[in-house]
C-alpha atoms as a PDB file:
ATOM      1  CA  MET A   1     173.462 -28.991 -29.783  1.00  0.00           C
ATOM      2  CA  ARG A   2     171.151 -28.240 -32.798  1.00  0.00           C
ATOM      3  CA  CYS A   3     167.374 -27.304 -32.227  1.00  0.00           C
ATOM      4  CA  ARG A   4     165.325 -30.367 -31.291  1.00  0.00           C
ATOM      5  CA  ILE A   5     161.555 -30.798 -32.560  1.00  0.00           C
ATOM      6  CA  LEU A   6     159.532 -32.793 -29.833  1.00  0.00           C
ATOM      7  CA  LEU A   7     158.227 -36.187 -31.293  1.00  0.00           C
ATOM      8  CA  LEU A   8     156.149 -38.263 -29.127  1.00  0.00           C
ATOM      9  CA  ALA A   9     156.584 -41.956 -29.377  1.00  0.00           C
ATOM     10  CA  ALA A  10     153.681 -44.121 -30.533  1.00  0.00           C
ATOM     11  CA  ALA A  11     151.438 -45.963 -28.172  1.00  0.00           C
ATOM     12  CA  ILE A  12     152.776 -49.295 -27.069  1.00  0.00           C
ATOM     13  CA  VAL A  13     151.621 -52.207 -29.239  1.00  0.00           C
ATOM     14  CA  PRO A  14     150.527 -55.576 -27.795  1.00  0.00           C
ATOM     15  CA  ALA A  15     153.794 -57.749 -26.989  1.00  0.00           C
ATOM     16  CA  ALA A  16     154.492 -60.908 -28.807  1.00  0.00           C
ATOM     17  CA  SER A  17     155.369 -64.037 -26.989  1.00  0.00           C
ATOM     18  CA  GLY A  18     159.193 -63.855 -26.026  1.00  0.00           C
ATOM     19  CA  ALA A  19     161.727 -62.849 -23.464  1.00  0.00           C
ATOM     20  CA  VAL A  20     162.877 -59.699 -21.513  1.00  0.00           C
ATOM     21  CA  GLY A  21     159.962 -57.990 -19.420  1.00  0.00           C
ATOM     22  CA  ALA A  22     160.813 -54.659 -18.257  1.00  0.00           C
ATOM     23  CA  ALA A  23     160.344 -51.816 -20.902  1.00  0.00           C
ATOM     24  CA  PRO A  24     163.586 -50.328 -22.121  1.00  0.00           C
ATOM     25  CA  PRO A  25     164.030 -46.541 -22.029  1.00  0.00           C
ATOM     26  CA  GLU A  26     164.071 -46.522 -26.001  1.00  0.00           C
ATOM     27  CA  LEU A  27     160.188 -46.573 -25.369  1.00  0.00           C
ATOM     28  CA  GLY A  28     160.207 -42.867 -24.127  1.00  0.00           C
ATOM     29  CA  THR A  29     160.118 -39.626 -26.122  1.00  0.00           C
ATOM     30  CA  TRP A  30     162.385 -39.151 -28.854  1.00  0.00           C
ATOM     31  CA  THR A  31     163.212 -35.686 -30.466  1.00  0.00           C
ATOM     32  CA  ARG A  32     163.854 -35.252 -34.192  1.00  0.00           C
ATOM     33  CA  GLU A  33     167.079 -33.279 -34.997  1.00  0.00           C
ATOM     34  CA  PRO A  34     167.958 -31.495 -38.205  1.00  0.00           C
ATOM     35  CA  VAL A  35     169.726 -33.429 -41.098  1.00  0.00           C
ATOM     36  CA  VAL A  36     173.154 -34.794 -40.472  1.00  0.00           C
ATOM     37  CA  LEU A  37     174.167 -35.518 -44.043  1.00  0.00           C
ATOM     38  CA  SER A  38     171.998 -33.891 -46.758  1.00  0.00           C
ATOM     39  CA  ASP A  39     173.404 -35.984 -49.541  1.00  0.00           C
ATOM     40  CA  VAL A  40     170.399 -38.364 -50.411  1.00  0.00           C
ATOM     41  CA  ALA A  41     172.844 -40.956 -51.949  1.00  0.00           C
ATOM     42  CA  VAL A  42     174.423 -41.377 -48.403  1.00  0.00           C
ATOM     43  CA  ASN A  43     172.713 -44.174 -46.599  1.00  0.00           C
ATOM     44  CA  ASN A  44     172.985 -47.470 -44.410  1.00  0.00           C
ATOM     45  CA  PRO A  45     175.130 -45.683 -41.663  1.00  0.00           C
ATOM     46  CA  ASP A  46     177.506 -47.866 -39.232  1.00  0.00           C
ATOM     47  CA  ILE A  47     179.169 -45.907 -36.582  1.00  0.00           C
ATOM     48  CA  VAL A  48     182.264 -46.634 -34.317  1.00  0.00           C
ATOM     49  CA  ALA A  49     182.875 -44.731 -31.227  1.00  0.00           C
ATOM     50  CA  LEU A  50     186.633 -43.368 -30.916  1.00  0.00           C
ATOM     51  CA  GLY A  51     186.248 -42.128 -27.404  1.00  0.00           C
ATOM     52  CA  GLY A  52     186.221 -38.410 -26.270  1.00  0.00           C
ATOM     53  CA  GLY A  53     183.166 -37.697 -27.951  1.00  0.00           C
ATOM     54  CA  GLN A  54     184.515 -38.740 -31.367  1.00  0.00           C
ATOM     55  CA  PHE A  55     182.544 -41.069 -33.998  1.00  0.00           C
ATOM     56  CA  ARG A  56     183.293 -42.411 -37.329  1.00  0.00           C
ATOM     57  CA  MET A  57     180.407 -43.157 -39.523  1.00  0.00           C
ATOM     58  CA  TYR A  58     180.775 -45.549 -42.338  1.00  0.00           C
ATOM     59  CA  PHE A  59     177.973 -45.268 -45.172  1.00  0.00           C
ATOM     60  CA  MET A  60     177.165 -46.523 -48.643  1.00  0.00           C
ATOM     61  CA  ARG A  61     177.314 -43.911 -51.627  1.00  0.00           C
ATOM     62  CA  SER A  62     177.018 -44.907 -55.178  1.00  0.00           C
ATOM     63  CA  GLY A  63     177.769 -48.483 -54.755  1.00  0.00           C
ATOM     64  CA  GLN A  64     181.023 -47.817 -52.364  1.00  0.00           C
ATOM     65  CA  ILE A  65     181.815 -47.541 -48.703  1.00  0.00           C
ATOM     66  CA  GLU A  66     182.795 -44.144 -47.420  1.00  0.00           C
ATOM     67  CA  SER A  67     183.423 -42.644 -43.971  1.00  0.00           C
ATOM     68  CA  ALA A  68     182.490 -39.360 -42.233  1.00  0.00           C
ATOM     69  CA  PHE A  69     183.950 -37.990 -38.674  1.00  0.00           C
ATOM     70  CA  SER A  70     182.292 -36.420 -35.813  1.00  0.00           C
ATOM     71  CA  ALA A  71     184.051 -34.738 -32.904  1.00  0.00           C
ATOM     72  CA  ASP A  72     180.910 -33.406 -31.263  1.00  0.00           C
ATOM     73  CA  GLU A  73     179.031 -36.809 -30.324  1.00  0.00           C
ATOM     74  CA  GLY A  74     177.315 -37.044 -33.769  1.00  0.00           C
ATOM     75  CA  ASP A  75     175.733 -33.318 -33.743  1.00  0.00           C
ATOM     76  CA  ASN A  76     177.906 -32.926 -37.083  1.00  0.00           C
ATOM     77  CA  PHE A  77     179.853 -35.336 -39.475  1.00  0.00           C
ATOM     78  CA  GLY A  78     182.371 -34.155 -42.221  1.00  0.00           C
ATOM     79  CA  VAL A  79     182.829 -36.613 -44.811  1.00  0.00           C
ATOM     80  CA  GLU A  80     186.359 -37.880 -45.298  1.00  0.00           C
ATOM     81  CA  VAL A  81     188.277 -38.189 -48.311  1.00  0.00           C
ATOM     82  CA  GLY A  82     188.442 -41.618 -50.013  1.00  0.00           C
ATOM     83  CA  ILE A  83     186.880 -44.924 -50.455  1.00  0.00           C
ATOM     84  CA  ARG A  84     187.245 -47.244 -47.510  1.00  0.00           C
ATOM     85  CA  VAL A  85     185.958 -50.351 -49.226  1.00  0.00           C
ATOM     86  CA  ASP A  86     184.643 -51.475 -52.667  1.00  0.00           C
ATOM     87  CA  GLY A  87     181.499 -52.991 -51.294  1.00  0.00           C
ATOM     88  CA  GLN A  88     178.084 -52.091 -49.783  1.00  0.00           C
ATOM     89  CA  HIS A  89     176.010 -52.439 -46.598  1.00  0.00           C
ATOM     90  CA  PRO A  90     178.870 -51.941 -43.930  1.00  0.00           C
ATOM     91  CA  ALA A  91     178.923 -53.633 -40.646  1.00  0.00           C
ATOM     92  CA  LEU A  92     181.744 -53.049 -38.287  1.00  0.00           C
ATOM     93  CA  VAL A  93     183.009 -54.692 -34.964  1.00  0.00           C
ATOM     94  CA  VAL A  94     186.034 -53.712 -32.766  1.00  0.00           C
ATOM     95  CA  LEU A  95     188.385 -56.922 -32.545  1.00  0.00           C
ATOM     96  CA  PRO A  96     189.975 -57.805 -29.113  1.00  0.00           C
ATOM     97  CA  ASP A  97     193.322 -56.242 -30.314  1.00  0.00           C
ATOM     98  CA  GLY A  98     191.959 -52.855 -31.184  1.00  0.00           C
ATOM     99  CA  ARG A  99     191.562 -53.334 -35.024  1.00  0.00           C
ATOM    100  CA  LEU A 100     188.313 -52.937 -36.918  1.00  0.00           C
ATOM    101  CA  ARG A 101     186.683 -55.522 -38.873  1.00  0.00           C
ATOM    102  CA  MET A 102     184.263 -54.575 -41.718  1.00  0.00           C
ATOM    103  CA  TYR A 103     181.792 -56.876 -42.956  1.00  0.00           C
ATOM    104  CA  PHE A 104     180.357 -55.930 -46.279  1.00  0.00           C
ATOM    105  CA  VAL A 105     178.491 -57.129 -49.342  1.00  0.00           C
ATOM    106  CA  SER A 106     181.043 -57.711 -52.245  1.00  0.00           C
ATOM    107  CA  ASN A 107     180.866 -55.738 -55.386  1.00  0.00           C
ATOM    108  CA  ASP A 108     182.889 -58.322 -57.354  1.00  0.00           C
ATOM    109  CA  VAL A 109     180.372 -59.908 -59.679  1.00  0.00           C
ATOM    110  CA  ALA A 110     182.156 -63.548 -59.317  1.00  0.00           C
ATOM    111  CA  ASP A 111     181.088 -63.337 -55.488  1.00  0.00           C
ATOM    112  CA  ASP A 112     177.541 -63.236 -56.752  1.00  0.00           C
ATOM    113  CA  GLY A 113     176.340 -60.827 -53.643  1.00  0.00           C
ATOM    114  CA  ALA A 114     178.440 -62.639 -50.862  1.00  0.00           C
ATOM    115  CA  ILE A 115     179.529 -61.134 -47.874  1.00  0.00           C
ATOM    116  CA  ARG A 116     183.427 -60.681 -47.208  1.00  0.00           C
ATOM    117  CA  SER A 117     185.281 -58.882 -44.770  1.00  0.00           C
ATOM    118  CA  ALA A 118     188.394 -56.543 -44.394  1.00  0.00           C
ATOM    119  CA  LEU A 119     190.615 -55.317 -41.595  1.00  0.00           C
ATOM    120  CA  SER A 120     192.118 -51.869 -40.520  1.00  0.00           C
ATOM    121  CA  ASP A 121     194.339 -50.496 -38.065  1.00  0.00           C
ATOM    122  CA  ASP A 122     193.455 -46.842 -38.453  1.00  0.00           C
ATOM    123  CA  GLY A 123     189.870 -47.052 -39.430  1.00  0.00           C
ATOM    124  CA  LEU A 124     190.641 -45.605 -42.992  1.00  0.00           C
ATOM    125  CA  THR A 125     192.647 -48.372 -44.878  1.00  0.00           C
ATOM    126  CA  PHE A 126     191.171 -51.649 -45.073  1.00  0.00           C
ATOM    127  CA  VAL A 127     192.802 -54.767 -46.242  1.00  0.00           C
ATOM    128  CA  GLN A 128     190.480 -57.386 -47.487  1.00  0.00           C
ATOM    129  CA  GLU A 129     190.503 -60.961 -45.719  1.00  0.00           C
ATOM    130  CA  PRO A 130     190.537 -63.998 -47.805  1.00  0.00           C
ATOM    131  CA  GLY A 131     187.325 -66.140 -48.064  1.00  0.00           C
ATOM    132  CA  ILE A 132     183.524 -65.646 -48.009  1.00  0.00           C
ATOM    133  CA  ARG A 133     182.124 -64.849 -44.690  1.00  0.00           C
ATOM    134  CA  LEU A 134     178.454 -65.733 -45.893  1.00  0.00           C
ATOM    135  CA  ARG A 135     176.504 -66.503 -49.226  1.00  0.00           C
ATOM    136  CA  PRO A 136     172.970 -66.016 -50.424  1.00  0.00           C
ATOM    137  CA  GLY A 137     171.097 -69.113 -49.999  1.00  0.00           C
ATOM    138  CA  ASP A 138     170.234 -71.832 -53.000  1.00  0.00           C
ATOM    139  CA  LYS A 139     167.419 -70.967 -55.196  1.00  0.00           C
ATOM    140  CA  GLY A 140     163.945 -70.916 -53.555  1.00  0.00           C
ATOM    141  CA  THR A 141     165.394 -70.313 -49.912  1.00  0.00           C
ATOM    142  CA  ILE A 142     164.466 -67.291 -48.076  1.00  0.00           C
ATOM    143  CA  ASP A 143     167.684 -65.352 -48.702  1.00  0.00           C
ATOM    144  CA  SER A 144     168.350 -66.819 -52.251  1.00  0.00           C
ATOM    145  CA  ARG A 145     168.022 -63.347 -53.752  1.00  0.00           C
ATOM    146  CA  GLY A 146     170.336 -61.175 -51.427  1.00  0.00           C
ATOM    147  CA  VAL A 147     171.857 -60.934 -47.982  1.00  0.00           C
ATOM    148  CA  ILE A 148     171.844 -57.211 -47.289  1.00  0.00           C
ATOM    149  CA  HIS A 149     171.580 -54.528 -44.555  1.00  0.00           C
ATOM    150  CA  LEU A 150     174.281 -56.207 -42.363  1.00  0.00           C
ATOM    151  CA  CYS A 151     174.819 -55.888 -38.701  1.00  0.00           C
ATOM    152  CA  VAL A 152     177.241 -57.961 -36.421  1.00  0.00           C
ATOM    153  CA  VAL A 153     177.030 -58.114 -32.737  1.00  0.00           C
ATOM    154  CA  LYS A 154     179.503 -59.606 -30.040  1.00  0.00           C
ATOM    155  CA  LEU A 155     177.563 -62.184 -28.021  1.00  0.00           C
ATOM    156  CA  LYS A 156     177.519 -62.422 -24.390  1.00  0.00           C
ATOM    157  CA  GLY A 157     179.071 -66.187 -24.368  1.00  0.00           C
ATOM    158  CA  GLY A 158     181.654 -65.125 -27.040  1.00  0.00           C
ATOM    159  CA  GLY A 159     181.562 -65.343 -30.913  1.00  0.00           C
ATOM    160  CA  TYR A 160     179.520 -63.219 -33.233  1.00  0.00           C
ATOM    161  CA  ARG A 161     176.039 -63.052 -34.697  1.00  0.00           C
ATOM    162  CA  MET A 162     175.151 -61.355 -38.037  1.00  0.00           C
ATOM    163  CA  TYR A 163     171.890 -59.947 -38.564  1.00  0.00           C
ATOM    164  CA  TYR A 164     170.601 -59.250 -41.964  1.00  0.00           C
ATOM    165  CA  ASP A 165     167.776 -59.064 -44.553  1.00  0.00           C
ATOM    166  CA  ALA A 166     166.852 -62.180 -46.114  1.00  0.00           C
ATOM    167  CA  VAL A 167     165.571 -61.195 -49.625  1.00  0.00           C
ATOM    168  CA  GLY A 168     163.975 -64.165 -51.160  1.00  0.00           C
ATOM    169  CA  PRO A 169     161.105 -65.538 -53.560  1.00  0.00           C
ATOM    170  CA  SER A 170     157.806 -63.609 -53.929  1.00  0.00           C
ATOM    171  CA  GLN A 171     155.335 -63.923 -51.164  1.00  0.00           C
ATOM    172  CA  GLY A 172     151.846 -62.537 -51.027  1.00  0.00           C
ATOM    173  CA  GLY A 173     152.192 -60.781 -54.257  1.00  0.00           C
ATOM    174  CA  SER A 174     155.439 -58.920 -53.451  1.00  0.00           C
ATOM    175  CA  PRO A 175     158.037 -59.380 -56.107  1.00  0.00           C
ATOM    176  CA  ASN A 176     160.473 -60.218 -53.120  1.00  0.00           C
ATOM    177  CA  TRP A 177     159.975 -61.337 -49.618  1.00  0.00           C
ATOM    178  CA  ARG A 178     161.940 -59.559 -47.088  1.00  0.00           C
ATOM    179  CA  GLY A 179     162.524 -60.606 -43.370  1.00  0.00           C
ATOM    180  CA  ILE A 180     165.269 -60.311 -40.940  1.00  0.00           C
ATOM    181  CA  VAL A 181     167.348 -63.507 -40.124  1.00  0.00           C
ATOM    182  CA  SER A 182     170.936 -64.426 -38.689  1.00  0.00           C
ATOM    183  CA  ALA A 183     173.995 -66.343 -38.737  1.00  0.00           C
ATOM    184  CA  THR A 184     176.339 -67.052 -36.047  1.00  0.00           C
ATOM    185  CA  SER A 185     180.087 -67.435 -35.880  1.00  0.00           C
ATOM    186  CA  GLU A 186     182.664 -68.330 -33.219  1.00  0.00           C
ATOM    187  CA  ASP A 187     185.534 -66.622 -34.673  1.00  0.00           C
ATOM    188  CA  GLY A 188     183.866 -64.020 -37.021  1.00  0.00           C
ATOM    189  CA  LEU A 189     185.067 -65.585 -39.920  1.00  0.00           C
ATOM    190  CA  ARG A 190     182.868 -68.728 -40.400  1.00  0.00           C
ATOM    191  CA  PHE A 191     179.259 -68.248 -40.100  1.00  0.00           C
ATOM    192  CA  ARG A 192     176.543 -70.767 -39.906  1.00  0.00           C
ATOM    193  CA  LYS A 193     173.033 -69.525 -40.684  1.00  0.00           C
ATOM    194  CA  ASP A 194     170.626 -69.797 -37.717  1.00  0.00           C
ATOM    195  CA  ASP A 195     167.456 -71.551 -37.998  1.00  0.00           C
ATOM    196  CA  GLY A 196     164.046 -69.724 -38.242  1.00  0.00           C
ATOM    197  CA  VAL A 197     163.399 -65.847 -38.723  1.00  0.00           C
ATOM    198  CA  ARG A 198     164.153 -63.317 -36.322  1.00  0.00           C
ATOM    199  CA  ILE A 199     161.423 -60.814 -37.419  1.00  0.00           C
ATOM    200  CA  LYS A 200     159.098 -60.858 -40.081  1.00  0.00           C
ATOM    201  CA  ALA A 201     156.121 -59.177 -41.580  1.00  0.00           C
ATOM    202  CA  GLY A 202     152.319 -60.936 -40.983  1.00  0.00           C
ATOM    203  CA  ARG A 203     153.567 -61.895 -37.375  1.00  0.00           C
ATOM    204  CA  ASP A 204     151.592 -60.289 -34.445  1.00  0.00           C
ATOM    205  CA  PRO A 205     151.929 -57.583 -33.186  1.00  0.00           C
ATOM    206  CA  ILE A 206     152.903 -56.479 -36.707  1.00  0.00           C
ATOM    207  CA  GLY A 207     150.722 -58.564 -38.685  1.00  0.00           C
ATOM    208  CA  PHE A 208     149.762 -55.150 -40.632  1.00  0.00           C
ATOM    209  CA  ALA A 209     153.383 -54.785 -42.027  1.00  0.00           C
ATOM    210  CA  ASN A 210     154.035 -55.276 -45.633  1.00  0.00           C
ATOM    211  CA  MET A 211     157.778 -55.506 -45.210  1.00  0.00           C
ATOM    212  CA  VAL A 212     160.364 -55.468 -42.332  1.00  0.00           C
ATOM    213  CA  TRP A 213     164.008 -54.724 -43.003  1.00  0.00           C
ATOM    214  CA  SER A 214     167.353 -53.112 -42.046  1.00  0.00           C
ATOM    215  CA  PRO A 215     168.436 -54.478 -38.338  1.00  0.00           C
ATOM    216  CA  PHE A 216     170.300 -52.891 -36.170  1.00  0.00           C
ATOM    217  CA  VAL A 217     171.124 -54.873 -33.073  1.00  0.00           C
ATOM    218  CA  GLU A 218     172.913 -54.252 -29.680  1.00  0.00           C
ATOM    219  CA  ARG A 219     173.582 -55.768 -26.521  1.00  0.00           C
ATOM    220  CA  TYR A 220     172.226 -54.521 -23.201  1.00  0.00           C
ATOM    221  CA  PRO A 221     172.373 -56.090 -19.530  1.00  0.00           C
ATOM    222  CA  ARG A 222     169.207 -58.102 -20.139  1.00  0.00           C
ATOM    223  CA  GLY A 223     169.769 -59.397 -23.481  1.00  0.00           C
ATOM    224  CA  TYR A 224     169.560 -57.702 -27.055  1.00  0.00           C
ATOM    225  CA  LYS A 225     167.685 -54.951 -28.617  1.00  0.00           C
ATOM    226  CA  LEU A 226     166.961 -54.972 -32.185  1.00  0.00           C
ATOM    227  CA  TYR A 227     165.798 -51.920 -34.149  1.00  0.00           C
ATOM    228  CA  PHE A 228     164.147 -52.350 -37.568  1.00  0.00           C
ATOM    229  CA  SER A 229     162.029 -50.392 -40.195  1.00  0.00           C
ATOM    230  CA  VAL A 230     158.423 -51.407 -40.859  1.00  0.00           C
ATOM    231  CA  GLU A 231     156.458 -50.472 -44.168  1.00  0.00           C
ATOM    232  CA  THR A 232     152.743 -50.634 -44.370  1.00  0.00           C
ATOM    233  CA  ASP A 233     149.958 -49.628 -47.011  1.00  0.00           C
ATOM    234  CA  LEU A 234     149.838 -45.971 -47.543  1.00  0.00           C
ATOM    235  CA  ASP A 235     146.542 -45.403 -46.071  1.00  0.00           C
ATOM    236  CA  VAL A 236     147.925 -46.430 -42.350  1.00  0.00           C
ATOM    237  CA  ALA A 237     151.547 -45.314 -43.142  1.00  0.00           C
ATOM    238  CA  LYS A 238     151.230 -42.342 -40.704  1.00  0.00           C
ATOM    239  CA  ALA A 239     149.825 -44.631 -37.855  1.00  0.00           C
ATOM    240  CA  ARG A 240     151.949 -47.614 -38.124  1.00  0.00           C
ATOM    241  CA  ALA A 241     155.358 -47.469 -40.364  1.00  0.00           C
ATOM    242  CA  GLY A 242     158.644 -46.632 -39.006  1.00  0.00           C
ATOM    243  CA  ILE A 243     161.192 -47.814 -36.806  1.00  0.00           C
ATOM    244  CA  TYR A 244     160.429 -50.386 -34.023  1.00  0.00           C
ATOM    245  CA  LEU A 245     162.273 -51.800 -31.305  1.00  0.00           C
ATOM    246  CA  ALA A 246     162.339 -55.459 -30.405  1.00  0.00           C
ATOM    247  CA  THR A 247     164.166 -57.251 -27.441  1.00  0.00           C
ATOM    248  CA  SER A 248     165.316 -60.789 -26.698  1.00  0.00           C
ATOM    249  CA  ASP A 249     167.328 -62.677 -23.784  1.00  0.00           C
ATOM    250  CA  ASP A 250     169.081 -64.708 -26.353  1.00  0.00           C
ATOM    251  CA  GLY A 251     169.389 -62.824 -29.453  1.00  0.00           C
ATOM    252  CA  LEU A 252     167.178 -65.307 -31.293  1.00  0.00           C
ATOM    253  CA  GLY A 253     163.579 -65.068 -30.331  1.00  0.00           C
ATOM    254  CA  PHE A 254     162.598 -61.481 -30.195  1.00  0.00           C
ATOM    255  CA  ARG A 255     159.624 -59.550 -28.767  1.00  0.00           C
ATOM    256  CA  VAL A 256     158.387 -56.697 -30.692  1.00  0.00           C
ATOM    257  CA  ARG A 257     157.803 -53.790 -28.258  1.00  0.00           C
ATOM    258  CA  ASP A 258     156.851 -50.483 -29.958  1.00  0.00           C
ATOM    259  CA  ARG A 259     157.299 -47.951 -32.715  1.00  0.00           C
ATOM    260  CA  ILE A 260     159.924 -45.315 -31.528  1.00  0.00           C
ATOM    261  CA  LEU A 261     159.739 -43.261 -34.787  1.00  0.00           C
ATOM    262  CA  GLY A 262     157.113 -42.620 -37.225  1.00  0.00           C
ATOM    263  CA  ILE A 263     156.686 -41.165 -40.455  1.00  0.00           C
ATOM    264  CA  ASP A 264     158.131 -37.667 -40.643  1.00  0.00           C
ATOM    265  CA  PRO A 265     155.511 -35.227 -39.248  1.00  0.00           C
ATOM    266  CA  ALA A 266     155.870 -32.796 -41.794  1.00  0.00           C
ATOM    267  CA  VAL A 267     154.602 -35.569 -44.200  1.00  0.00           C
ATOM    268  CA  THR A 268     150.980 -35.234 -44.233  1.00  0.00           C
ATOM    269  CA  ALA A 269     150.186 -37.942 -47.075  1.00  0.00           C
ATOM    270  CA  PRO A 270     153.018 -40.504 -47.591  1.00  0.00           C
ATOM    271  CA  THR A 271     153.554 -41.599 -51.061  1.00  0.00           C
ATOM    272  CA  TYR A 272     156.451 -43.515 -52.635  1.00  0.00           C
ATOM    273  CA  VAL A 273     159.505 -41.663 -54.146  1.00  0.00           C
ATOM    274  CA  ASP A 274     162.591 -43.114 -55.373  1.00  0.00           C
ATOM    275  CA  GLY A 275     164.334 -45.317 -52.497  1.00  0.00           C
ATOM    276  CA  GLY A 276     161.040 -45.902 -50.582  1.00  0.00           C
ATOM    277  CA  MET A 277     158.276 -44.272 -48.926  1.00  0.00           C
ATOM    278  CA  GLN A 278     158.105 -40.387 -48.169  1.00  0.00           C
ATOM    279  CA  GLY A 279     159.185 -39.403 -44.894  1.00  0.00           C
ATOM    280  CA  LEU A 280     159.848 -43.047 -43.707  1.00  0.00           C
ATOM    281  CA  PRO A 281     162.879 -43.493 -41.251  1.00  0.00           C
ATOM    282  CA  GLN A 282     165.022 -46.416 -42.073  1.00  0.00           C
ATOM    283  CA  ASP A 283     168.545 -47.761 -41.712  1.00  0.00           C
ATOM    284  CA  ALA A 284     168.850 -47.209 -37.731  1.00  0.00           C
ATOM    285  CA  PHE A 285     171.891 -46.898 -35.893  1.00  0.00           C
ATOM    286  CA  VAL A 286     172.031 -45.866 -32.183  1.00  0.00           C
ATOM    287  CA  ILE A 287     174.851 -44.524 -30.011  1.00  0.00           C
ATOM    288  CA  ASP A 288     175.329 -43.418 -26.636  1.00  0.00           C
ATOM    289  CA  VAL A 289     175.901 -39.587 -26.057  1.00  0.00           C
ATOM    290  CA  THR A 290     176.024 -37.250 -23.091  1.00  0.00           C
ATOM    291  CA  GLY A 291     172.617 -37.161 -21.521  1.00  0.00           C
ATOM    292  CA  GLY A 292     170.909 -39.856 -23.415  1.00  0.00           C
ATOM    293  CA  ARG A 293     170.948 -41.725 -26.982  1.00  0.00           C
ATOM    294  CA  ARG A 294     171.058 -40.610 -30.562  1.00  0.00           C
ATOM    295  CA  ILE A 295     169.761 -42.626 -33.406  1.00  0.00           C
ATOM    296  CA  PHE A 296     170.654 -41.944 -36.843  1.00  0.00           C
ATOM    297  CA  TYR A 297     168.398 -42.993 -39.844  1.00  0.00           C
ATOM    298  CA  TRP A 298     167.970 -42.402 -43.657  1.00  0.00           C
ATOM    299  CA  GLN A 299     164.807 -40.736 -45.554  1.00  0.00           C
ATOM    300  CA  ALA A 300     164.282 -41.374 -49.187  1.00  0.00           C
ATOM    301  CA  GLN A 301     165.282 -38.443 -51.136  1.00  0.00           C
ATOM    302  CA  GLU A 302     165.956 -36.375 -47.953  1.00  0.00           C
ATOM    303  CA  GLY A 303     169.224 -37.286 -46.309  1.00  0.00           C
ATOM    304  CA  THR A 304     170.527 -38.782 -43.290  1.00  0.00           C
ATOM    305  CA  PHE A 305     168.870 -37.397 -39.806  1.00  0.00           C
ATOM    306  CA  SER A 306     169.201 -38.106 -36.158  1.00  0.00           C
ATOM    307  CA  ALA A 307     166.763 -38.091 -33.139  1.00  0.00           C
ATOM    308  CA  PHE A 308     167.868 -37.711 -29.582  1.00  0.00           C
ATOM    309  CA  LEU A 309     166.377 -39.583 -26.398  1.00  0.00           C
ATOM    310  CA  ALA A 310     167.190 -37.818 -23.017  1.00  0.00           C
ATOM    311  CA  LEU A 311     167.947 -40.278 -20.027  1.00  0.00           C
ATOM    312  CA  ALA A 312     168.052 -39.581 -16.255  1.00  0.00           C
END
């Protein structure tokens, strides 16, 4: 195991109206770990458990989707040779027959930012499926400028739900509005956009947020957990920016619970760098490992890191 540096979780924020009462264990104490992948061009990880402590990470680099393999529960990853898919923002699900389906934002100019999918028997070679899974909205709608940062989860009652960033027209002086929305499918191929917004800036208890983005959603016994990144003004970033956790009983109405990871403690005065805010964890993905949970995240101009949460 790598050396772990203690990082206390932030104080619990006031809860918004919504479901799921008991606090999940993620609101405990996480500890930061050293860099996992130092290449700053690697981002947006999505990880598949292979069994026996082995995991495969899919990630974006230079506009393509590549992969890395770990045999030690995510302590170390080695980048694998080759391009998995010509696309961006990977999201993977394991199908009932054991195959993998990868959802991704197409690089084909003719697709105009639409989401496609591809299948794989071995996790390395993917064959694109025909058709479009989801398109950006019409001009003026909340996702008319992009559908990115994908996450797809199997629903308790069957079917699938895709969570993603809706990039839309400017609001409040920002060049692009950004919030987390969703779409639902019975078969994983035909998605219908759900009404409303799952998480947005300006809504209590994150009314201070300038932008929310990059959802990672998972099922748990009482419902669904949603991890997402929050950006704020620089003068309050140390106290409020970071990765937050929200919970829901139905996967649609979420209650924001708390910040679980803040700005890197080594950053005394955050500023903006190429790719985002200095020291701000983003693009979260969580896996179960021996003795607890591990969250992977990216920091602009620094690389991909992890943090560990010990569970009794």
